[in-house]
Every structure is written in structure tokens, then in C-alpha cells.
């Protein structure tokens, strides 16, 4: 895969690196970071550090399972927002990132064999 700009997903990995309420480190975190590094992506830091998954019962706790990895060579892609008020029927909050798209004319040619 070429030109990967963003990967975001419910990774189902609890780790103290992104969830301060969780006291342990997961071995899966290292594998996930290696995969992201292979695409030149880095773990994005949310502007607002709130849970991304909200428990629907009293036995579970709110947690951070949803992560975003952004292109590490683009300076303007260094963080994202967690939108906890927009989780609707899901138990997961939306993640949002601003990607600036510049208006440019791109010369394109189409070649065809008739």
C-alpha cells in the first residue's frame, strides 16, 4: 500500500501509553507500533484526552480502544480530536482530524490506445 495518510480503528488494545486509567503495558502495542512505523505513521495524540469507549454497564470502565495513526512526515497532522458527545447509539466516540487540502491545479494526461 502506497501513500497511507491515516489509519484509525477500534484496536481493542488497552495500554497505559494511551489510557492513563489503565496500569499495564500490552505486548500487542509494540506490534501495532511496528506495523504503523512500516507505513510511516505515528500514533496521534488526542487534543482532549477522554475515553473513546463508554461502558454500558456498571462492571466495565470507560476506556481508550480507538486510536488514530497519522502520516509522520506531515507536520500539520500531529493530533486529533475525540468527540464524546457524538457517540449516538454506539458505545464509541467519534475521532476527528483536520486535513488541510490546498487548491492546486494538477496537470493530468490521459493516454489511450485506440
C-alpha atoms as a PDB file:
ATOM      1  CA  UNK A   1       0.000   0.000   0.000  1.00  0.00           C
ATOM      2  CA  UNK A   2       1.396   3.371  -1.002  1.00  0.00           C
ATOM      3  CA  UNK A   3       0.660   6.859   0.289  1.00  0.00           C
ATOM      4  CA  UNK A   4      -1.107   5.839   3.500  1.00  0.00           C
ATOM      5  CA  UNK A   5      -2.111   9.027   5.283  1.00  0.00           C
ATOM      6  CA  UNK A   6      -4.270   7.800   8.139  1.00  0.00           C
ATOM      7  CA  UNK A   7      -5.317   4.600   9.887  1.00  0.00           C
ATOM      8  CA  UNK A   8      -7.971   4.736  12.576  1.00  0.00           C
ATOM      9  CA  UNK A   9      -9.775   1.858  14.180  1.00  0.00           C
ATOM     10  CA  UNK A  10     -11.143   0.229  17.286  1.00  0.00           C
ATOM     11  CA  UNK A  11      -7.961  -1.747  18.037  1.00  0.00           C
ATOM     12  CA  UNK A  12      -9.234  -3.404  21.238  1.00  0.00           C
ATOM     13  CA  UNK A  13      -5.853  -2.984  22.972  1.00  0.00           C
ATOM     14  CA  UNK A  14      -5.723  -1.433  26.420  1.00  0.00           C
ATOM     15  CA  UNK A  15      -2.388   0.140  27.248  1.00  0.00           C
ATOM     16  CA  UNK A  16      -1.146   2.778  29.673  1.00  0.00           C
ATOM     17  CA  UNK A  17       0.516   4.585  26.751  1.00  0.00           C
ATOM     18  CA  UNK A  18      -2.860   5.965  25.624  1.00  0.00           C
ATOM     19  CA  UNK A  19      -5.118   5.207  28.599  1.00  0.00           C
ATOM     20  CA  UNK A  20      -3.841   6.728  31.849  1.00  0.00           C
ATOM     21  CA  UNK A  21      -6.516   4.874  33.837  1.00  0.00           C
ATOM     22  CA  UNK A  22      -5.064   1.511  32.769  1.00  0.00           C
ATOM     23  CA  UNK A  23      -1.943   0.485  34.742  1.00  0.00           C
ATOM     24  CA  UNK A  24      -0.387  -2.043  32.334  1.00  0.00           C
ATOM     25  CA  UNK A  25       1.553  -2.224  29.069  1.00  0.00           C
ATOM     26  CA  UNK A  26       0.418  -4.638  26.357  1.00  0.00           C
ATOM     27  CA  UNK A  27       2.781  -6.642  24.154  1.00  0.00           C
ATOM     28  CA  UNK A  28       0.337  -6.041  21.298  1.00  0.00           C
ATOM     29  CA  UNK A  29       1.181  -2.335  21.479  1.00  0.00           C
ATOM     30  CA  UNK A  30       4.714  -2.976  20.266  1.00  0.00           C
ATOM     31  CA  UNK A  31       3.476  -4.981  17.276  1.00  0.00           C
ATOM     32  CA  UNK A  32       0.914  -2.321  16.420  1.00  0.00           C
ATOM     33  CA  UNK A  33       3.581   0.405  16.530  1.00  0.00           C
ATOM     34  CA  UNK A  34       5.880  -1.646  14.290  1.00  0.00           C
ATOM     35  CA  UNK A  35       3.134  -2.025  11.706  1.00  0.00           C
ATOM     36  CA  UNK A  36       2.368   1.702  11.847  1.00  0.00           C
ATOM     37  CA  UNK A  37       6.072   2.549  11.514  1.00  0.00           C
ATOM     38  CA  UNK A  38       6.288   0.402   8.388  1.00  0.00           C
ATOM     39  CA  UNK A  39       3.744   2.775   6.777  1.00  0.00           C
ATOM     40  CA  UNK A  40       5.499   5.926   8.137  1.00  0.00           C
ATOM     41  CA  UNK A  41       2.619   6.519  10.534  1.00  0.00           C
ATOM     42  CA  UNK A  42       2.827   7.594  14.142  1.00  0.00           C
ATOM     43  CA  UNK A  43       0.329   7.378  16.966  1.00  0.00           C
ATOM     44  CA  UNK A  44      -1.612  10.611  17.085  1.00  0.00           C
ATOM     45  CA  UNK A  45      -2.120  12.322  20.436  1.00  0.00           C
ATOM     46  CA  UNK A  46      -5.687  13.488  21.026  1.00  0.00           C
ATOM     47  CA  UNK A  47      -6.153  17.156  21.860  1.00  0.00           C
ATOM     48  CA  UNK A  48      -8.665  16.151  24.523  1.00  0.00           C
ATOM     49  CA  UNK A  49      -7.686  13.050  26.466  1.00  0.00           C
ATOM     50  CA  UNK A  50     -11.050  11.438  27.167  1.00  0.00           C
ATOM     51  CA  UNK A  51     -12.251   7.846  26.740  1.00  0.00           C
ATOM     52  CA  UNK A  52     -13.195   6.595  23.291  1.00  0.00           C
ATOM     53  CA  UNK A  53     -15.365   3.724  24.529  1.00  0.00           C
ATOM     54  CA  UNK A  54     -18.092   4.269  27.113  1.00  0.00           C
ATOM     55  CA  UNK A  55     -19.155   1.333  29.276  1.00  0.00           C
ATOM     56  CA  UNK A  56     -22.777   0.309  29.078  1.00  0.00           C
ATOM     57  CA  UNK A  57     -22.819  -1.454  32.447  1.00  0.00           C
ATOM     58  CA  UNK A  58     -21.527  -0.823  35.968  1.00  0.00           C
ATOM     59  CA  UNK A  59     -18.899  -3.607  35.856  1.00  0.00           C
ATOM     60  CA  UNK A  60     -16.866  -2.157  32.991  1.00  0.00           C
ATOM     61  CA  UNK A  61     -14.997   1.127  32.952  1.00  0.00           C
ATOM     62  CA  UNK A  62     -14.711   3.735  30.249  1.00  0.00           C
ATOM     63  CA  UNK A  63     -11.551   3.198  28.240  1.00  0.00           C
ATOM     64  CA  UNK A  64      -9.471   4.104  25.211  1.00  0.00           C
ATOM     65  CA  UNK A  65      -9.638   1.495  22.432  1.00  0.00           C
ATOM     66  CA  UNK A  66      -9.989   3.718  19.379  1.00  0.00           C
ATOM     67  CA  UNK A  67      -6.716   5.095  18.063  1.00  0.00           C
ATOM     68  CA  UNK A  68      -5.524   7.149  15.136  1.00  0.00           C
ATOM     69  CA  UNK A  69      -2.209   6.829  13.332  1.00  0.00           C
ATOM     70  CA  UNK A  70      -1.238   9.714  11.068  1.00  0.00           C
ATOM     71  CA  UNK A  71       1.439  10.265   8.445  1.00  0.00           C
ATOM     72  CA  UNK A  72       4.623  11.052  10.341  1.00  0.00           C
ATOM     73  CA  UNK A  73       6.194  13.200   7.609  1.00  0.00           C
ATOM     74  CA  UNK A  74       3.367  15.735   7.533  1.00  0.00           C
ATOM     75  CA  UNK A  75       3.919  18.291  10.307  1.00  0.00           C
ATOM     76  CA  UNK A  76       0.309  19.526  10.225  1.00  0.00           C
ATOM     77  CA  UNK A  77      -1.033  16.047  11.024  1.00  0.00           C
ATOM     78  CA  UNK A  78       0.081  15.761  14.616  1.00  0.00           C
ATOM     79  CA  UNK A  79      -3.134  15.360  16.622  1.00  0.00           C
ATOM     80  CA  UNK A  80      -6.832  14.606  16.500  1.00  0.00           C
ATOM     81  CA  UNK A  81      -9.997  15.236  18.489  1.00  0.00           C
ATOM     82  CA  UNK A  82     -12.202  12.782  20.361  1.00  0.00           C
ATOM     83  CA  UNK A  83     -15.874  13.788  20.130  1.00  0.00           C
ATOM     84  CA  UNK A  84     -17.534  12.121  23.149  1.00  0.00           C
ATOM     85  CA  UNK A  85     -20.848  13.982  22.686  1.00  0.00           C
ATOM     86  CA  UNK A  86     -21.413  12.421  19.257  1.00  0.00           C
ATOM     87  CA  UNK A  87     -21.320   8.732  20.063  1.00  0.00           C
ATOM     88  CA  UNK A  88     -25.020   8.147  19.360  1.00  0.00           C
ATOM     89  CA  UNK A  89     -26.232   4.523  19.501  1.00  0.00           C
ATOM     90  CA  UNK A  90     -22.666   3.177  19.553  1.00  0.00           C
ATOM     91  CA  UNK A  91     -20.609   2.946  22.727  1.00  0.00           C
ATOM     92  CA  UNK A  92     -17.639   4.551  20.936  1.00  0.00           C
ATOM     93  CA  UNK A  93     -16.875   8.240  20.469  1.00  0.00           C
ATOM     94  CA  UNK A  94     -16.069   9.643  17.044  1.00  0.00           C
ATOM     95  CA  UNK A  95     -12.487  10.608  16.233  1.00  0.00           C
ATOM     96  CA  UNK A  96     -11.870  13.667  14.081  1.00  0.00           C
ATOM     97  CA  UNK A  97      -8.833  15.163  12.373  1.00  0.00           C
ATOM     98  CA  UNK A  98      -8.470  18.257  10.222  1.00  0.00           C
ATOM     99  CA  UNK A  99      -6.709  17.602   6.951  1.00  0.00           C
ATOM    100  CA  UNK A 100      -5.925  20.768   5.016  1.00  0.00           C
ATOM    101  CA  UNK A 101      -6.307  20.352   1.292  1.00  0.00           C
ATOM    102  CA  UNK A 102      -4.690  23.050  -0.785  1.00  0.00           C
ATOM    103  CA  UNK A 103      -6.273  24.129  -4.017  1.00  0.00           C
ATOM    104  CA  UNK A 104      -3.854  23.289  -6.798  1.00  0.00           C
ATOM    105  CA  UNK A 105      -4.087  22.672 -10.477  1.00  0.00           C
ATOM    106  CA  UNK A 106      -2.743  19.241 -11.325  1.00  0.00           C
ATOM    107  CA  UNK A 107      -1.795  18.726 -14.930  1.00  0.00           C
ATOM    108  CA  UNK A 108      -3.100  15.363 -15.979  1.00  0.00           C
ATOM    109  CA  UNK A 109      -2.741  13.442 -19.178  1.00  0.00           C
ATOM    110  CA  UNK A 110      -4.769  10.516 -20.329  1.00  0.00           C
ATOM    111  CA  UNK A 111      -3.223   8.086 -22.702  1.00  0.00           C
ATOM    112  CA  UNK A 112      -5.271   5.595 -24.643  1.00  0.00           C
ATOM    113  CA  UNK A 113      -4.670   3.018 -27.289  1.00  0.00           C
ATOM    114  CA  UNK A 114      -7.423   3.154 -29.874  1.00  0.00           C
END
